[in-house]
């Protein structure tokens, strides 16, 4: 068996193909509509796992937000800088990233936590929650499940994935001072035979003022 790949290696190789397959996930687009309707112009937003910059950083920038995107993939960061020049992008890992100011009006996390160990998933949620300012929002999506160290093949890549159950996600956010305003699950089928149907958990939360 070939060596399993890190998230950076997988997404460096996927590049713009990821946007072609996952750039129009209905639940993510709905979450962005929900969030942009609540943010004032100039709101500071962090996009964790920013990918090519589309759709998240692009939609938020068009809404007048000041967007910083972070991604472990150097190739994704370069694509994002070209596609969404009005936003700022850094190559960084949510597990070690330290923002200059940890008081964002919103933090977005659309599917960046899966290719890591389960304790790292929990730790990343804690870190992101801590970066939300009073009155700010946290909007996330993931593939839920009490999963640790599951070896799978995804889009032709052998990776090891982990996640938390829906209940654990909700409880962890609540424990970190975020009020969960809405959550739901939805099914998505990527337009590629190498990717099977996915269950997506979407969660909208807010820190009280």
N, C-alpha and C. Protein backbone atom coordinates (compact mmCIF):
# COMPACT_ATOMS: atom_id res chain seq x y z
N UNK A 1 0.84 -1.19 0.00
CA UNK A 1 0.00 0.00 0.00
C UNK A 1 0.88 1.24 0.00
N UNK A 2 0.53 2.22 -0.79
CA UNK A 2 1.31 3.44 -0.84
C UNK A 2 1.11 4.25 0.44
N UNK A 3 2.05 5.16 0.69
CA UNK A 3 1.98 5.97 1.90
C UNK A 3 0.76 6.89 1.84
N UNK A 4 0.07 6.97 2.95
CA UNK A 4 -1.12 7.84 3.01
C UNK A 4 -0.70 9.29 3.05
N UNK A 5 -1.53 10.14 2.45
CA UNK A 5 -1.13 11.52 2.21
C UNK A 5 -1.70 12.46 3.26
N UNK A 6 -0.98 13.54 3.47
CA UNK A 6 -1.47 14.61 4.33
C UNK A 6 -2.47 15.45 3.56
N UNK A 7 -3.21 16.27 4.29
CA UNK A 7 -4.17 17.17 3.64
C UNK A 7 -3.45 18.10 2.67
N UNK A 8 -2.29 18.61 3.05
CA UNK A 8 -1.56 19.51 2.16
C UNK A 8 -1.21 18.83 0.85
N UNK A 9 -0.75 17.57 0.93
CA UNK A 9 -0.38 16.85 -0.28
C UNK A 9 -1.59 16.59 -1.17
N UNK A 10 -2.71 16.19 -0.57
CA UNK A 10 -3.91 15.90 -1.34
C UNK A 10 -4.39 17.14 -2.09
N UNK A 11 -4.46 18.25 -1.37
CA UNK A 11 -5.06 19.44 -1.99
C UNK A 11 -4.08 20.18 -2.89
N UNK A 12 -2.79 20.01 -2.67
CA UNK A 12 -1.82 20.51 -3.64
C UNK A 12 -2.05 19.83 -4.99
N UNK A 13 -2.31 18.52 -4.96
CA UNK A 13 -2.50 17.77 -6.19
C UNK A 13 -3.86 18.03 -6.83
N UNK A 14 -4.89 18.24 -6.00
CA UNK A 14 -6.23 18.46 -6.55
C UNK A 14 -6.37 19.83 -7.20
N UNK A 15 -5.82 20.86 -6.57
CA UNK A 15 -5.87 22.20 -7.14
C UNK A 15 -7.28 22.63 -7.49
N UNK A 16 -7.42 23.18 -8.69
CA UNK A 16 -8.71 23.75 -9.09
C UNK A 16 -9.78 22.67 -9.31
N UNK A 17 -9.38 21.41 -9.43
CA UNK A 17 -10.37 20.34 -9.57
C UNK A 17 -11.28 20.29 -8.36
N UNK A 18 -10.76 20.62 -7.18
CA UNK A 18 -11.59 20.64 -5.98
C UNK A 18 -12.73 21.65 -6.14
N UNK A 19 -12.42 22.81 -6.66
CA UNK A 19 -13.47 23.82 -6.86
C UNK A 19 -14.52 23.34 -7.86
N UNK A 20 -14.09 22.65 -8.90
CA UNK A 20 -15.04 22.15 -9.89
C UNK A 20 -16.06 21.20 -9.27
N UNK A 21 -15.59 20.38 -8.31
CA UNK A 21 -16.47 19.36 -7.73
C UNK A 21 -17.20 19.83 -6.48
N UNK A 22 -16.58 20.70 -5.69
CA UNK A 22 -17.12 21.06 -4.39
C UNK A 22 -17.36 22.56 -4.23
N UNK A 23 -17.29 23.31 -5.31
CA UNK A 23 -17.45 24.75 -5.22
C UNK A 23 -18.90 25.23 -5.21
N UNK A 24 -19.84 24.29 -5.38
CA UNK A 24 -21.26 24.68 -5.41
C UNK A 24 -22.09 23.76 -4.52
N UNK A 25 -21.60 23.44 -3.35
CA UNK A 25 -22.36 22.61 -2.41
C UNK A 25 -23.54 23.44 -1.90
N UNK A 26 -24.79 23.01 -2.13
CA UNK A 26 -25.94 23.84 -1.79
C UNK A 26 -25.97 24.30 -0.34
N UNK A 27 -25.64 23.40 0.59
CA UNK A 27 -25.66 23.78 1.99
C UNK A 27 -24.65 24.85 2.33
N UNK A 28 -23.50 24.81 1.68
CA UNK A 28 -22.47 25.82 1.92
C UNK A 28 -22.91 27.17 1.36
N UNK A 29 -23.49 27.17 0.19
CA UNK A 29 -23.97 28.43 -0.40
C UNK A 29 -25.07 29.03 0.46
N UNK A 30 -25.96 28.19 1.00
CA UNK A 30 -27.02 28.69 1.89
C UNK A 30 -26.43 29.26 3.17
N UNK A 31 -25.41 28.61 3.70
CA UNK A 31 -24.77 29.10 4.92
C UNK A 31 -24.11 30.45 4.68
N UNK A 32 -23.51 30.64 3.51
CA UNK A 32 -22.89 31.92 3.19
C UNK A 32 -23.94 33.01 3.02
N UNK A 33 -25.07 32.69 2.41
CA UNK A 33 -26.16 33.66 2.31
C UNK A 33 -26.64 34.08 3.70
N UNK A 34 -26.79 33.09 4.58
CA UNK A 34 -27.23 33.36 5.95
C UNK A 34 -26.24 34.28 6.66
N UNK A 35 -24.95 33.98 6.51
CA UNK A 35 -23.93 34.75 7.22
C UNK A 35 -23.78 36.16 6.67
N UNK A 36 -23.70 36.29 5.36
CA UNK A 36 -23.49 37.63 4.79
C UNK A 36 -24.66 38.56 5.08
N UNK A 37 -25.86 38.00 5.26
CA UNK A 37 -27.01 38.83 5.60
C UNK A 37 -26.90 39.42 7.00
N UNK A 38 -26.01 38.90 7.82
CA UNK A 38 -25.89 39.32 9.21
C UNK A 38 -24.62 40.10 9.52
N UNK A 39 -23.74 40.21 8.55
CA UNK A 39 -22.47 40.89 8.80
C UNK A 39 -22.46 42.29 8.18
N UNK A 40 -21.97 43.28 8.92
CA UNK A 40 -21.88 44.63 8.35
C UNK A 40 -20.68 44.74 7.42
N UNK A 41 -20.68 45.74 6.58
CA UNK A 41 -19.52 46.01 5.73
C UNK A 41 -18.31 46.23 6.62
N UNK A 42 -17.19 45.67 6.20
CA UNK A 42 -15.96 45.81 6.97
C UNK A 42 -15.77 44.75 8.03
N UNK A 43 -16.73 43.84 8.19
CA UNK A 43 -16.60 42.78 9.19
C UNK A 43 -15.34 41.95 8.91
N UNK A 44 -14.63 41.61 9.97
CA UNK A 44 -13.42 40.80 9.86
C UNK A 44 -13.81 39.33 9.93
N UNK A 45 -13.45 38.59 8.88
CA UNK A 45 -13.84 37.19 8.79
C UNK A 45 -12.61 36.32 8.52
N UNK A 46 -12.54 35.19 9.22
CA UNK A 46 -11.49 34.21 8.97
C UNK A 46 -12.11 33.00 8.29
N UNK A 47 -11.54 32.61 7.16
CA UNK A 47 -11.99 31.44 6.40
C UNK A 47 -10.95 30.35 6.57
N UNK A 48 -11.26 29.35 7.41
CA UNK A 48 -10.33 28.26 7.71
C UNK A 48 -10.50 27.16 6.67
N UNK A 49 -9.42 26.81 5.99
CA UNK A 49 -9.51 25.86 4.89
C UNK A 49 -10.07 26.54 3.67
N UNK A 50 -9.46 27.65 3.30
CA UNK A 50 -10.03 28.55 2.29
C UNK A 50 -9.95 28.01 0.88
N UNK A 51 -9.15 26.97 0.62
CA UNK A 51 -9.13 26.36 -0.70
C UNK A 51 -8.79 27.35 -1.79
N UNK A 52 -9.54 27.31 -2.87
CA UNK A 52 -9.28 28.21 -4.01
C UNK A 52 -9.86 29.61 -3.79
N UNK A 53 -10.49 29.83 -2.64
CA UNK A 53 -11.13 31.12 -2.39
C UNK A 53 -12.58 31.17 -2.78
N UNK A 54 -13.01 30.15 -3.49
CA UNK A 54 -14.40 30.07 -3.92
C UNK A 54 -15.07 28.82 -3.35
N UNK A 55 -16.29 28.97 -2.83
CA UNK A 55 -17.12 30.17 -2.87
C UNK A 55 -16.99 31.09 -1.66
N UNK A 56 -16.34 30.66 -0.57
CA UNK A 56 -16.47 31.36 0.71
C UNK A 56 -15.85 32.75 0.70
N UNK A 57 -14.54 32.82 0.48
CA UNK A 57 -13.87 34.13 0.54
C UNK A 57 -14.43 35.07 -0.51
N UNK A 58 -14.76 34.54 -1.68
CA UNK A 58 -15.31 35.38 -2.74
C UNK A 58 -16.65 35.98 -2.32
N UNK A 59 -17.55 35.17 -1.79
CA UNK A 59 -18.88 35.66 -1.38
C UNK A 59 -18.76 36.68 -0.26
N UNK A 60 -17.90 36.41 0.70
CA UNK A 60 -17.74 37.34 1.83
C UNK A 60 -17.10 38.64 1.39
N UNK A 61 -16.13 38.57 0.50
CA UNK A 61 -15.49 39.79 -0.01
C UNK A 61 -16.47 40.64 -0.79
N UNK A 62 -17.30 40.00 -1.60
CA UNK A 62 -18.31 40.73 -2.36
C UNK A 62 -19.31 41.43 -1.45
N UNK A 63 -19.52 40.85 -0.26
CA UNK A 63 -20.43 41.44 0.71
C UNK A 63 -19.77 42.57 1.50
N UNK A 64 -18.51 42.87 1.21
CA UNK A 64 -17.84 43.98 1.86
C UNK A 64 -17.03 43.61 3.09
N UNK A 65 -16.83 42.31 3.32
CA UNK A 65 -16.08 41.86 4.49
C UNK A 65 -14.57 41.90 4.22
N UNK A 66 -13.81 42.05 5.29
CA UNK A 66 -12.36 41.96 5.23
C UNK A 66 -11.98 40.52 5.56
N UNK A 67 -11.60 39.76 4.54
CA UNK A 67 -11.45 38.31 4.68
C UNK A 67 -9.99 37.91 4.72
N UNK A 68 -9.67 37.06 5.70
CA UNK A 68 -8.38 36.36 5.75
C UNK A 68 -8.67 34.88 5.59
N UNK A 69 -7.99 34.25 4.65
CA UNK A 69 -8.15 32.82 4.45
C UNK A 69 -6.86 32.09 4.80
N UNK A 70 -6.99 30.95 5.45
CA UNK A 70 -5.81 30.11 5.72
C UNK A 70 -6.05 28.71 5.17
N UNK A 71 -4.98 28.10 4.66
CA UNK A 71 -5.08 26.75 4.10
C UNK A 71 -3.71 26.09 4.21
N UNK A 72 -3.70 24.78 4.43
CA UNK A 72 -2.42 24.06 4.53
C UNK A 72 -1.76 23.86 3.17
N UNK A 73 -2.52 24.01 2.09
CA UNK A 73 -2.03 23.72 0.75
C UNK A 73 -1.47 24.99 0.10
N UNK A 74 -0.19 24.96 -0.24
CA UNK A 74 0.42 26.09 -0.93
C UNK A 74 -0.22 26.33 -2.29
N UNK A 75 -0.57 25.24 -2.99
CA UNK A 75 -1.19 25.39 -4.31
C UNK A 75 -2.55 26.07 -4.18
N UNK A 76 -3.33 25.71 -3.17
CA UNK A 76 -4.63 26.34 -2.97
C UNK A 76 -4.48 27.83 -2.64
N UNK A 77 -3.51 28.16 -1.82
CA UNK A 77 -3.29 29.56 -1.46
C UNK A 77 -2.96 30.38 -2.70
N UNK A 78 -2.13 29.86 -3.57
CA UNK A 78 -1.78 30.59 -4.79
C UNK A 78 -3.00 30.76 -5.69
N UNK A 79 -3.81 29.72 -5.83
CA UNK A 79 -5.03 29.84 -6.63
C UNK A 79 -5.96 30.89 -6.03
N UNK A 80 -6.12 30.87 -4.70
CA UNK A 80 -7.02 31.81 -4.04
C UNK A 80 -6.56 33.25 -4.23
N UNK A 81 -5.29 33.48 -4.15
CA UNK A 81 -4.77 34.84 -4.33
C UNK A 81 -5.08 35.37 -5.72
N UNK A 82 -5.10 34.48 -6.70
CA UNK A 82 -5.43 34.89 -8.07
C UNK A 82 -6.93 35.09 -8.24
N UNK A 83 -7.74 34.18 -7.67
CA UNK A 83 -9.19 34.22 -7.86
C UNK A 83 -9.87 35.30 -7.03
N UNK A 84 -9.37 35.56 -5.84
CA UNK A 84 -10.03 36.52 -4.94
C UNK A 84 -8.96 37.50 -4.43
N UNK A 85 -8.49 38.39 -5.29
CA UNK A 85 -7.38 39.28 -4.90
C UNK A 85 -7.74 40.27 -3.80
N UNK A 86 -9.03 40.50 -3.58
CA UNK A 86 -9.43 41.45 -2.55
C UNK A 86 -9.34 40.87 -1.14
N UNK A 87 -9.15 39.57 -1.02
CA UNK A 87 -8.97 38.92 0.28
C UNK A 87 -7.47 38.65 0.50
N UNK A 88 -7.13 38.29 1.73
CA UNK A 88 -5.74 37.96 2.08
C UNK A 88 -5.67 36.48 2.43
N UNK A 89 -4.68 35.79 1.89
CA UNK A 89 -4.56 34.35 2.10
C UNK A 89 -3.17 34.02 2.62
N UNK A 90 -3.13 33.06 3.57
CA UNK A 90 -1.87 32.60 4.15
C UNK A 90 -1.85 31.07 4.13
N UNK A 91 -0.66 30.52 3.91
CA UNK A 91 -0.50 29.09 4.09
C UNK A 91 -0.29 28.84 5.58
N UNK A 92 -1.25 28.18 6.21
CA UNK A 92 -1.20 27.96 7.65
C UNK A 92 -2.09 26.79 8.01
N UNK A 93 -1.79 26.18 9.15
CA UNK A 93 -2.52 25.03 9.67
C UNK A 93 -3.33 25.48 10.88
N UNK A 94 -4.62 25.21 10.89
CA UNK A 94 -5.48 25.64 11.98
C UNK A 94 -4.99 25.12 13.33
N UNK A 95 -4.27 24.01 13.33
CA UNK A 95 -3.80 23.43 14.58
C UNK A 95 -2.69 24.24 15.23
N UNK A 96 -2.00 25.08 14.44
CA UNK A 96 -0.88 25.87 14.97
C UNK A 96 -1.00 27.35 14.67
N UNK A 97 -1.97 27.75 13.87
CA UNK A 97 -2.13 29.15 13.47
C UNK A 97 -2.46 30.03 14.67
N UNK A 98 -1.82 31.21 14.72
CA UNK A 98 -2.11 32.21 15.75
C UNK A 98 -2.43 33.52 15.05
N UNK A 99 -3.71 33.93 15.03
CA UNK A 99 -4.05 35.18 14.36
C UNK A 99 -3.49 36.39 15.10
N UNK A 100 -3.21 37.46 14.35
CA UNK A 100 -2.71 38.69 14.97
C UNK A 100 -3.74 39.25 15.95
N UNK A 101 -5.01 39.15 15.56
CA UNK A 101 -6.10 39.58 16.42
C UNK A 101 -7.13 38.46 16.47
N UNK A 102 -7.35 37.91 17.65
CA UNK A 102 -8.27 36.78 17.81
C UNK A 102 -9.66 37.26 18.19
N UNK A 103 -10.20 38.17 17.37
CA UNK A 103 -11.53 38.72 17.66
C UNK A 103 -12.30 38.93 16.36
N UNK A 104 -12.48 37.86 15.62
CA UNK A 104 -13.14 37.95 14.32
C UNK A 104 -14.65 38.10 14.48
N UNK A 105 -15.24 38.87 13.58
CA UNK A 105 -16.71 38.99 13.55
C UNK A 105 -17.36 37.70 13.08
N UNK A 106 -16.61 36.90 12.35
CA UNK A 106 -17.10 35.58 11.95
C UNK A 106 -15.90 34.69 11.62
N UNK A 107 -16.07 33.42 11.91
CA UNK A 107 -15.10 32.39 11.51
C UNK A 107 -15.87 31.33 10.72
N UNK A 108 -15.36 30.99 9.54
CA UNK A 108 -15.97 29.95 8.70
C UNK A 108 -15.05 28.74 8.64
N UNK A 109 -15.65 27.58 8.67
CA UNK A 109 -14.88 26.33 8.62
C UNK A 109 -15.67 25.33 7.79
N UNK A 110 -15.40 25.30 6.48
CA UNK A 110 -16.11 24.39 5.59
C UNK A 110 -15.19 23.23 5.20
N UNK A 111 -15.31 22.14 5.93
CA UNK A 111 -14.67 20.85 5.63
C UNK A 111 -13.14 20.81 5.75
N UNK A 112 -12.49 21.60 6.63
CA UNK A 112 -11.03 21.53 6.67
C UNK A 112 -10.45 20.55 7.69
N UNK A 113 -11.29 19.91 8.52
CA UNK A 113 -10.78 19.20 9.68
C UNK A 113 -10.71 17.69 9.54
N UNK A 114 -11.05 17.14 8.40
CA UNK A 114 -11.25 15.70 8.31
C UNK A 114 -9.94 14.91 8.25
N UNK A 115 -8.92 15.43 7.58
CA UNK A 115 -7.68 14.68 7.41
C UNK A 115 -6.73 15.01 8.57
N UNK A 116 -7.14 14.63 9.76
CA UNK A 116 -6.34 14.79 10.97
C UNK A 116 -6.85 13.81 12.01
N UNK A 117 -6.20 13.75 13.17
CA UNK A 117 -6.62 12.81 14.20
C UNK A 117 -7.79 13.41 15.00
N UNK A 118 -8.56 12.54 15.64
CA UNK A 118 -9.77 13.01 16.33
C UNK A 118 -9.48 14.04 17.42
N UNK A 119 -8.46 13.85 18.27
CA UNK A 119 -8.16 14.92 19.25
C UNK A 119 -7.79 16.24 18.59
N UNK A 120 -7.20 16.19 17.39
CA UNK A 120 -6.86 17.41 16.68
C UNK A 120 -8.12 18.09 16.15
N UNK A 121 -9.11 17.30 15.73
CA UNK A 121 -10.39 17.87 15.31
C UNK A 121 -11.01 18.65 16.48
N UNK A 122 -11.05 18.02 17.64
CA UNK A 122 -11.62 18.68 18.82
C UNK A 122 -10.83 19.93 19.18
N UNK A 123 -9.50 19.83 19.14
CA UNK A 123 -8.67 20.99 19.46
C UNK A 123 -8.85 22.12 18.48
N UNK A 124 -9.01 21.79 17.20
CA UNK A 124 -9.22 22.83 16.19
C UNK A 124 -10.55 23.54 16.40
N UNK A 125 -11.59 22.79 16.76
CA UNK A 125 -12.88 23.42 17.07
C UNK A 125 -12.72 24.40 18.24
N UNK A 126 -12.01 23.98 19.27
CA UNK A 126 -11.79 24.86 20.42
C UNK A 126 -11.06 26.14 20.00
N UNK A 127 -10.03 25.99 19.19
CA UNK A 127 -9.25 27.15 18.75
C UNK A 127 -10.12 28.10 17.94
N UNK A 128 -10.87 27.58 16.98
CA UNK A 128 -11.70 28.44 16.14
C UNK A 128 -12.77 29.15 16.97
N UNK A 129 -13.37 28.43 17.91
CA UNK A 129 -14.38 29.06 18.76
C UNK A 129 -13.79 30.22 19.55
N UNK A 130 -12.54 30.08 19.99
CA UNK A 130 -11.91 31.13 20.79
C UNK A 130 -11.62 32.39 19.99
N UNK A 131 -11.63 32.28 18.66
CA UNK A 131 -11.33 33.43 17.81
C UNK A 131 -12.56 34.25 17.46
N UNK A 132 -13.73 33.83 17.88
CA UNK A 132 -14.97 34.54 17.57
C UNK A 132 -15.20 35.63 18.62
N UNK A 133 -15.34 36.86 18.17
CA UNK A 133 -15.55 37.99 19.05
C UNK A 133 -16.96 37.96 19.65
N UNK A 134 -17.19 38.64 20.78
CA UNK A 134 -18.56 38.77 21.30
C UNK A 134 -19.50 39.30 20.22
N UNK A 135 -20.64 38.63 20.06
CA UNK A 135 -21.59 39.00 19.02
C UNK A 135 -21.26 38.43 17.66
N UNK A 136 -20.11 37.73 17.55
CA UNK A 136 -19.68 37.19 16.27
C UNK A 136 -20.25 35.81 16.00
N UNK A 137 -20.02 35.33 14.79
CA UNK A 137 -20.62 34.09 14.31
C UNK A 137 -19.56 33.04 13.98
N UNK A 138 -19.95 31.79 14.14
CA UNK A 138 -19.14 30.65 13.69
C UNK A 138 -20.04 29.79 12.81
N UNK A 139 -19.61 29.58 11.57
CA UNK A 139 -20.38 28.78 10.61
C UNK A 139 -19.47 27.67 10.11
N UNK A 140 -19.94 26.44 10.23
CA UNK A 140 -19.09 25.31 9.86
C UNK A 140 -19.85 24.23 9.11
N UNK A 141 -19.08 23.41 8.42
CA UNK A 141 -19.61 22.20 7.80
C UNK A 141 -18.55 21.12 7.87
N UNK A 142 -18.99 19.89 8.04
CA UNK A 142 -18.08 18.76 8.08
C UNK A 142 -18.85 17.50 7.73
N UNK A 143 -18.15 16.39 7.67
CA UNK A 143 -18.77 15.07 7.54
C UNK A 143 -18.78 14.48 8.95
N UNK A 144 -19.95 14.37 9.60
CA UNK A 144 -19.98 13.98 11.01
C UNK A 144 -19.84 12.47 11.19
N UNK A 145 -19.45 12.10 12.41
CA UNK A 145 -19.35 10.68 12.76
C UNK A 145 -18.30 10.50 13.84
N UNK A 146 -18.52 9.56 14.73
CA UNK A 146 -17.53 9.26 15.75
C UNK A 146 -16.47 8.37 15.12
N UNK A 147 -15.54 9.01 14.42
CA UNK A 147 -14.57 8.32 13.57
C UNK A 147 -13.17 8.73 13.99
N UNK A 148 -12.30 7.76 14.19
CA UNK A 148 -10.90 8.07 14.47
C UNK A 148 -9.98 7.17 13.67
N UNK A 149 -9.13 7.80 12.87
CA UNK A 149 -8.09 7.07 12.15
C UNK A 149 -8.63 6.09 11.13
N UNK A 150 -9.67 6.47 10.39
CA UNK A 150 -10.25 5.60 9.38
C UNK A 150 -9.48 5.78 8.07
N UNK A 151 -8.95 4.69 7.54
CA UNK A 151 -8.23 4.72 6.28
C UNK A 151 -9.22 4.57 5.13
N UNK A 152 -9.22 5.54 4.22
CA UNK A 152 -10.13 5.51 3.08
C UNK A 152 -9.38 5.92 1.82
N UNK A 153 -10.02 5.67 0.68
CA UNK A 153 -9.56 6.24 -0.58
C UNK A 153 -10.55 7.30 -0.99
N UNK A 154 -10.08 8.51 -1.22
CA UNK A 154 -10.95 9.63 -1.58
C UNK A 154 -10.35 10.37 -2.77
N UNK A 155 -11.10 10.44 -3.83
CA UNK A 155 -10.66 11.13 -5.04
C UNK A 155 -9.31 10.60 -5.53
N UNK A 156 -9.13 9.28 -5.41
CA UNK A 156 -7.90 8.66 -5.87
C UNK A 156 -6.73 8.78 -4.92
N UNK A 157 -6.97 9.31 -3.73
CA UNK A 157 -5.90 9.49 -2.74
C UNK A 157 -6.18 8.63 -1.51
N UNK A 158 -5.16 7.98 -0.98
CA UNK A 158 -5.30 7.22 0.25
C UNK A 158 -5.03 8.15 1.42
N UNK A 159 -6.06 8.35 2.26
CA UNK A 159 -5.96 9.29 3.38
C UNK A 159 -6.52 8.64 4.64
N UNK A 160 -6.16 9.20 5.77
CA UNK A 160 -6.70 8.78 7.06
C UNK A 160 -7.53 9.91 7.62
N UNK A 161 -8.79 9.61 7.94
CA UNK A 161 -9.72 10.67 8.33
C UNK A 161 -10.28 10.42 9.73
N UNK A 162 -10.72 11.50 10.36
CA UNK A 162 -11.37 11.44 11.66
C UNK A 162 -12.44 12.52 11.71
N UNK A 163 -13.38 12.34 12.63
CA UNK A 163 -14.41 13.35 12.84
C UNK A 163 -15.03 13.15 14.22
N UNK A 164 -15.99 14.00 14.55
CA UNK A 164 -16.79 13.88 15.77
C UNK A 164 -18.24 13.68 15.37
N UNK A 165 -19.02 13.10 16.26
CA UNK A 165 -20.45 12.96 16.00
C UNK A 165 -21.12 14.33 15.98
N UNK A 166 -22.32 14.37 15.43
CA UNK A 166 -23.08 15.63 15.46
C UNK A 166 -23.27 16.11 16.88
N UNK A 167 -23.66 15.22 17.79
CA UNK A 167 -23.88 15.61 19.18
C UNK A 167 -22.62 16.17 19.81
N UNK A 168 -21.47 15.57 19.50
CA UNK A 168 -20.21 16.06 20.07
C UNK A 168 -19.84 17.42 19.52
N UNK A 169 -20.07 17.65 18.23
CA UNK A 169 -19.83 18.99 17.67
C UNK A 169 -20.66 20.03 18.41
N UNK A 170 -21.95 19.76 18.55
CA UNK A 170 -22.85 20.74 19.15
C UNK A 170 -22.49 20.99 20.61
N UNK A 171 -22.20 19.92 21.34
CA UNK A 171 -21.85 20.07 22.75
C UNK A 171 -20.54 20.83 22.93
N UNK A 172 -19.58 20.57 22.06
CA UNK A 172 -18.28 21.22 22.20
C UNK A 172 -18.41 22.72 21.93
N UNK A 173 -19.16 23.09 20.92
CA UNK A 173 -19.35 24.51 20.64
C UNK A 173 -20.06 25.20 21.79
N UNK A 174 -21.09 24.56 22.33
CA UNK A 174 -21.81 25.13 23.46
C UNK A 174 -20.90 25.30 24.67
N UNK A 175 -20.04 24.33 24.92
CA UNK A 175 -19.11 24.39 26.04
C UNK A 175 -18.10 25.52 25.88
N UNK A 176 -17.85 25.92 24.64
CA UNK A 176 -16.90 27.01 24.37
C UNK A 176 -17.59 28.36 24.23
N UNK A 177 -18.83 28.44 24.69
CA UNK A 177 -19.51 29.72 24.77
C UNK A 177 -20.25 30.15 23.53
N UNK A 178 -20.47 29.23 22.59
CA UNK A 178 -21.20 29.57 21.37
C UNK A 178 -22.61 29.01 21.45
N UNK A 179 -23.58 29.84 21.12
CA UNK A 179 -24.97 29.38 21.06
C UNK A 179 -25.24 28.83 19.66
N UNK A 180 -25.61 27.58 19.59
CA UNK A 180 -25.92 26.97 18.29
C UNK A 180 -27.33 27.42 17.89
N UNK A 181 -27.39 28.22 16.83
CA UNK A 181 -28.66 28.78 16.37
C UNK A 181 -29.40 27.83 15.43
N UNK A 182 -28.63 27.03 14.70
CA UNK A 182 -29.25 26.15 13.70
C UNK A 182 -28.24 25.07 13.33
N UNK A 183 -28.74 23.86 13.11
CA UNK A 183 -27.89 22.84 12.50
C UNK A 183 -28.77 21.87 11.72
N UNK A 184 -28.19 21.29 10.70
CA UNK A 184 -28.91 20.28 9.92
C UNK A 184 -27.90 19.43 9.16
N UNK A 185 -28.33 18.28 8.70
CA UNK A 185 -27.51 17.44 7.86
C UNK A 185 -28.13 17.36 6.47
N UNK A 186 -27.29 17.19 5.49
CA UNK A 186 -27.73 17.11 4.10
C UNK A 186 -26.81 16.14 3.37
N UNK A 187 -27.30 15.57 2.28
CA UNK A 187 -26.50 14.64 1.48
C UNK A 187 -26.04 15.35 0.21
N UNK A 188 -24.80 15.04 -0.17
CA UNK A 188 -24.21 15.65 -1.36
C UNK A 188 -23.48 14.57 -2.15
N UNK A 189 -23.69 14.57 -3.47
CA UNK A 189 -23.01 13.63 -4.35
C UNK A 189 -22.09 14.40 -5.29
N UNK A 190 -20.77 14.34 -5.09
CA UNK A 190 -19.86 15.00 -6.02
C UNK A 190 -19.97 14.40 -7.41
N UNK A 191 -19.72 15.21 -8.41
CA UNK A 191 -19.82 14.77 -9.80
C UNK A 191 -18.52 14.09 -10.24
N UNK A 192 -18.16 13.03 -9.54
CA UNK A 192 -16.95 12.28 -9.87
C UNK A 192 -17.12 10.87 -9.33
N UNK A 193 -16.85 9.87 -10.16
CA UNK A 193 -17.03 8.48 -9.76
C UNK A 193 -16.10 8.08 -8.61
N UNK A 194 -15.03 8.84 -8.39
CA UNK A 194 -14.07 8.50 -7.33
C UNK A 194 -14.51 8.98 -5.97
N UNK A 195 -15.61 9.70 -5.90
CA UNK A 195 -16.12 10.21 -4.63
C UNK A 195 -17.55 9.75 -4.44
N UNK A 196 -17.82 9.09 -3.33
CA UNK A 196 -19.17 8.62 -3.06
C UNK A 196 -20.01 9.70 -2.42
N UNK A 197 -21.29 9.40 -2.15
CA UNK A 197 -22.16 10.38 -1.50
C UNK A 197 -21.66 10.71 -0.10
N UNK A 198 -21.84 11.95 0.30
CA UNK A 198 -21.36 12.42 1.61
C UNK A 198 -22.52 12.96 2.42
N UNK A 199 -22.49 12.71 3.73
CA UNK A 199 -23.40 13.37 4.64
C UNK A 199 -22.70 14.59 5.21
N UNK A 200 -23.32 15.74 5.10
CA UNK A 200 -22.73 16.99 5.57
C UNK A 200 -23.52 17.52 6.76
N UNK A 201 -22.80 17.90 7.80
CA UNK A 201 -23.37 18.61 8.93
C UNK A 201 -23.07 20.09 8.78
N UNK A 202 -24.11 20.91 8.82
CA UNK A 202 -23.97 22.36 8.80
C UNK A 202 -24.41 22.91 10.16
N UNK A 203 -23.63 23.83 10.68
CA UNK A 203 -23.92 24.38 12.00
C UNK A 203 -23.67 25.88 11.98
N UNK A 204 -24.66 26.65 12.45
CA UNK A 204 -24.54 28.11 12.58
C UNK A 204 -24.58 28.42 14.08
N UNK A 205 -23.58 29.18 14.55
CA UNK A 205 -23.51 29.49 15.98
C UNK A 205 -23.10 30.95 16.16
N UNK A 206 -23.34 31.45 17.38
CA UNK A 206 -23.03 32.85 17.69
C UNK A 206 -22.55 32.96 19.14
N UNK A 207 -21.58 33.85 19.34
CA UNK A 207 -21.16 34.15 20.71
C UNK A 207 -21.98 35.33 21.23
N UNK A 208 -22.51 35.21 22.41
CA UNK A 208 -23.34 36.29 22.96
C UNK A 208 -22.51 37.55 23.16
N UNK A 209 -23.16 38.67 23.13
CA UNK A 209 -22.49 39.97 23.27
C UNK A 209 -22.03 40.14 24.72
